[in-house]
Amino acid sequence: MKNFKFLFMVISSIMIISCGSDDDAGTVYPITLNFTSVTETFTYYQDGAETAVTDAILTSYNDSAVSLSTAELEAESTGDYFKFLSDTEVELSEGGEVIRTPYVFEDGFLFLGTGQDRLLYGQGDMTKLEYRLSALRTNTGGSSGGYEDEGDIEFFPATFENSVDFHNYTTIEEIQGDEFLLIHNVSLVYE
């Protein structure tokens, strides 16, 4: 009977220790996030207020050099993925090219590389990431691009307030007549 009690205590202790060590094991790698979709929003300002985007403005925007085509982005991104190999290394497949690089998450943003060479590469975590792009278009010009460094974080999603360096308006009310501001925010989603 003493042997049975002793054996029971030893087995119970081993089970408690093994359960405790599972909590310390951390994340199980690799974790792969595959490209799933492109999401987009349009915001349009004219005659001193935010208003509905017209088909004519969308056609003009889509025909411009600054437009972001969600169909093209989706076609280019199909098959792309992030594979987190450890707490510090990720494998990234983009357009058929595969690279391995150090990474870090800071305040919900993914940075690839280290030091001065690190790039802002998305927002989210190891369950869902979004690579961000935006385009701004007025009746006289436009610009578009991705968010690639820490200084870009405050500018996504692009809004009237954080696009004032791009145009000459300091308030929405100043946009009158044929003048307009169209903002196109795009996210490539990985899950």
Protein backbone atom coordinates (compact mmCIF):
# COMPACT_ATOMS: atom_id res chain seq x y z
CA MET A 1 0.00 0.00 0.00
CA LYS A 2 2.89 2.40 0.77
CA ASN A 3 4.37 1.69 -2.66
CA PHE A 4 1.04 2.52 -4.29
CA LYS A 5 0.79 5.87 -2.43
CA PHE A 6 4.40 6.69 -3.24
CA LEU A 7 3.90 5.79 -6.92
CA PHE A 8 0.70 7.89 -7.03
CA MET A 9 2.55 10.92 -5.57
CA VAL A 10 5.43 10.57 -8.05
CA ILE A 11 3.07 10.32 -11.04
CA SER A 12 1.01 13.29 -9.79
CA SER A 13 4.17 15.38 -9.34
CA ILE A 14 5.37 14.56 -12.86
CA MET A 15 1.97 15.51 -14.29
CA ILE A 16 1.97 18.84 -12.43
CA ILE A 17 5.52 19.64 -13.57
CA SER A 18 4.77 18.72 -17.19
CA CYS A 19 1.59 20.84 -17.18
CA GLY A 20 3.53 23.78 -15.82
CA SER A 21 6.24 23.46 -18.46
CA ASP A 22 3.62 23.54 -21.25
CA ASP A 23 2.72 27.07 -20.23
CA ASP A 24 6.36 28.12 -20.62
CA ALA A 25 6.73 26.48 -24.04
CA GLY A 26 5.42 29.63 -25.80
CA THR A 27 4.33 29.89 -29.40
CA VAL A 28 4.57 26.86 -31.65
CA TYR A 29 6.35 27.71 -34.91
CA PRO A 30 6.09 27.91 -37.84
CA ILE A 31 3.00 30.12 -38.11
CA THR A 32 1.92 30.87 -41.68
CA LEU A 33 -0.33 33.74 -42.75
CA ASN A 34 -1.45 33.47 -46.38
CA PHE A 35 -2.68 36.32 -48.54
CA THR A 36 -6.49 36.22 -48.44
CA SER A 37 -7.93 39.47 -49.83
CA VAL A 38 -7.65 43.14 -50.63
CA THR A 39 -9.89 45.58 -48.78
CA GLU A 40 -10.45 49.19 -49.78
CA THR A 41 -12.27 52.34 -48.73
CA PHE A 42 -12.82 55.61 -50.59
CA THR A 43 -13.37 58.99 -48.98
CA TYR A 44 -14.35 61.94 -51.16
CA TYR A 45 -14.47 65.63 -50.26
CA GLN A 46 -16.11 68.34 -52.41
CA ASP A 47 -18.07 71.55 -51.81
CA GLY A 48 -16.93 71.82 -48.22
CA ALA A 49 -17.99 68.37 -47.02
CA GLU A 50 -17.43 64.64 -47.26
CA THR A 51 -19.76 63.32 -49.92
CA ALA A 52 -20.49 60.19 -51.97
CA VAL A 53 -17.90 59.17 -54.54
CA THR A 54 -19.36 59.54 -58.03
CA ASP A 55 -18.77 57.10 -60.89
CA ALA A 56 -17.19 59.91 -62.90
CA ILE A 57 -14.62 60.61 -60.16
CA LEU A 58 -13.85 56.88 -59.78
CA THR A 59 -13.39 56.54 -63.53
CA SER A 60 -11.09 59.57 -63.57
CA TYR A 61 -9.15 58.17 -60.62
CA ASN A 62 -8.88 54.67 -62.11
CA ASP A 63 -7.52 56.16 -65.35
CA SER A 64 -4.88 58.18 -63.47
CA ALA A 65 -1.25 57.23 -62.90
CA VAL A 66 -1.70 57.24 -59.09
CA SER A 67 -4.62 54.78 -58.90
CA LEU A 68 -4.33 51.55 -56.95
CA SER A 69 -6.04 48.64 -58.70
CA THR A 70 -7.34 46.11 -56.20
CA ALA A 71 -7.68 43.53 -59.01
CA GLU A 72 -3.99 43.95 -59.91
CA LEU A 73 -2.91 43.90 -56.26
CA GLU A 74 -4.90 40.71 -55.69
CA ALA A 75 -3.41 39.03 -58.77
CA GLU A 76 0.12 40.07 -57.74
CA SER A 77 -0.36 38.90 -54.14
CA THR A 78 -1.99 35.50 -54.74
CA GLY A 79 0.30 32.88 -53.26
CA ASP A 80 2.19 35.36 -51.05
CA TYR A 81 2.65 34.51 -47.37
CA PHE A 82 4.39 35.30 -44.09
CA LYS A 83 5.84 32.27 -42.29
CA PHE A 84 7.01 33.10 -38.79
CA LEU A 85 9.86 30.65 -38.14
CA SER A 86 10.72 31.78 -34.59
CA ASP A 87 10.36 34.75 -32.24
CA THR A 88 12.86 36.65 -34.38
CA GLU A 89 12.86 35.28 -37.96
CA VAL A 90 10.20 35.35 -40.69
CA GLU A 91 10.10 33.91 -44.19
CA LEU A 92 8.29 36.17 -46.63
CA SER A 93 7.08 35.17 -50.07
CA GLU A 94 6.23 38.13 -52.27
CA GLY A 95 5.68 37.82 -56.01
CA GLY A 96 7.40 34.45 -56.12
CA GLU A 97 10.50 35.75 -54.34
CA VAL A 98 11.21 34.21 -50.93
CA ILE A 99 13.38 35.90 -48.30
CA ARG A 100 14.19 35.26 -44.65
CA THR A 101 14.74 38.22 -42.39
CA PRO A 102 14.62 39.27 -38.76
CA TYR A 103 11.37 40.82 -37.61
CA VAL A 104 9.80 42.51 -34.61
CA PHE A 105 6.29 43.54 -33.64
CA GLU A 106 6.05 46.96 -31.98
CA ASP A 107 2.74 48.46 -30.89
CA GLY A 108 0.83 46.26 -33.34
CA PHE A 109 3.09 46.96 -36.33
CA LEU A 110 5.38 44.46 -38.06
CA PHE A 111 8.89 45.64 -38.94
CA LEU A 112 11.21 43.58 -41.14
CA GLY A 113 14.99 43.88 -40.87
CA THR A 114 16.96 45.64 -38.17
CA GLY A 115 18.43 49.04 -37.38
CA GLN A 116 18.34 51.74 -40.05
CA ASP A 117 17.33 49.21 -42.73
CA ARG A 118 14.13 48.03 -41.09
CA LEU A 119 10.88 48.45 -43.00
CA LEU A 120 7.33 48.87 -41.75
CA TYR A 121 5.58 45.90 -43.35
CA GLY A 122 2.17 45.63 -41.83
CA GLN A 123 -0.24 46.10 -38.98
CA GLY A 124 -1.63 43.28 -36.86
CA ASP A 125 -0.19 40.17 -35.26
CA MET A 126 0.58 36.52 -36.00
CA THR A 127 -3.10 35.77 -36.63
CA LYS A 128 -3.85 38.59 -39.10
CA LEU A 129 -1.65 41.13 -40.87
CA GLU A 130 -2.55 44.01 -43.15
CA TYR A 131 -0.08 45.64 -45.53
CA ARG A 132 -1.24 49.23 -46.04
CA LEU A 133 -1.27 51.45 -49.14
CA SER A 134 -3.08 54.65 -50.04
CA ALA A 135 -3.61 57.03 -52.92
CA LEU A 136 -4.62 60.68 -52.79
CA ARG A 137 -6.06 62.48 -55.80
CA THR A 138 -7.17 66.08 -56.33
CA ASN A 139 -8.35 67.81 -59.48
CA THR A 140 -4.74 68.92 -60.07
CA GLY A 141 -2.58 65.93 -59.05
CA GLY A 142 -2.07 62.87 -56.92
CA SER A 143 0.25 60.47 -55.16
CA SER A 144 0.18 56.86 -54.02
CA GLY A 145 2.37 54.38 -52.19
CA GLY A 146 2.84 51.96 -49.35
CA TYR A 147 3.76 52.64 -45.75
CA GLU A 148 7.39 51.66 -45.26
CA ASP A 149 8.82 53.39 -42.20
CA GLU A 150 7.87 54.34 -38.69
CA GLY A 151 7.10 57.93 -39.65
CA ASP A 152 4.33 56.69 -41.97
CA ILE A 153 2.27 55.11 -39.16
CA GLU A 154 0.40 58.30 -38.27
CA PHE A 155 -0.72 58.66 -41.91
CA PHE A 156 -2.76 55.44 -42.17
CA PRO A 157 -5.50 55.33 -42.83
CA ALA A 158 -5.07 58.49 -44.89
CA THR A 159 -7.59 61.15 -43.85
CA PHE A 160 -8.19 64.78 -44.73
CA GLU A 161 -6.24 65.90 -41.64
CA ASN A 162 -3.10 63.87 -42.30
CA SER A 163 -3.03 64.59 -46.03
CA VAL A 164 -2.69 68.39 -45.70
CA ASP A 165 0.95 68.25 -46.82
CA PHE A 166 -0.29 66.89 -50.15
CA HIS A 167 -2.86 69.61 -50.95
CA ASN A 168 -3.40 73.33 -50.27
CA TYR A 169 -6.52 73.08 -48.10
CA THR A 170 -6.38 73.51 -44.34
CA THR A 171 -10.10 72.88 -43.84
CA ILE A 172 -12.64 70.81 -45.73
CA GLU A 173 -14.77 73.93 -46.25
CA GLU A 174 -12.06 75.36 -48.55
CA ILE A 175 -12.72 72.62 -51.16
CA GLN A 176 -15.29 74.24 -53.43
CA GLY A 177 -16.63 73.96 -56.98
CA ASP A 178 -14.65 71.64 -59.27
CA GLU A 179 -11.98 71.09 -56.63
CA PHE A 180 -12.01 67.76 -54.78
CA LEU A 181 -9.95 65.38 -52.68
CA LEU A 182 -10.31 61.62 -53.12
CA ILE A 183 -8.62 59.29 -50.62
CA HIS A 184 -8.26 55.57 -51.42
CA ASN A 185 -7.09 53.37 -48.51
CA VAL A 186 -6.13 49.79 -49.36
CA SER A 187 -5.05 46.80 -47.24
CA LEU A 188 -3.57 43.50 -48.40
CA VAL A 189 -4.85 41.03 -45.81
CA TYR A 190 -2.93 37.95 -44.63
CA GLU A 191 -4.60 35.37 -42.37
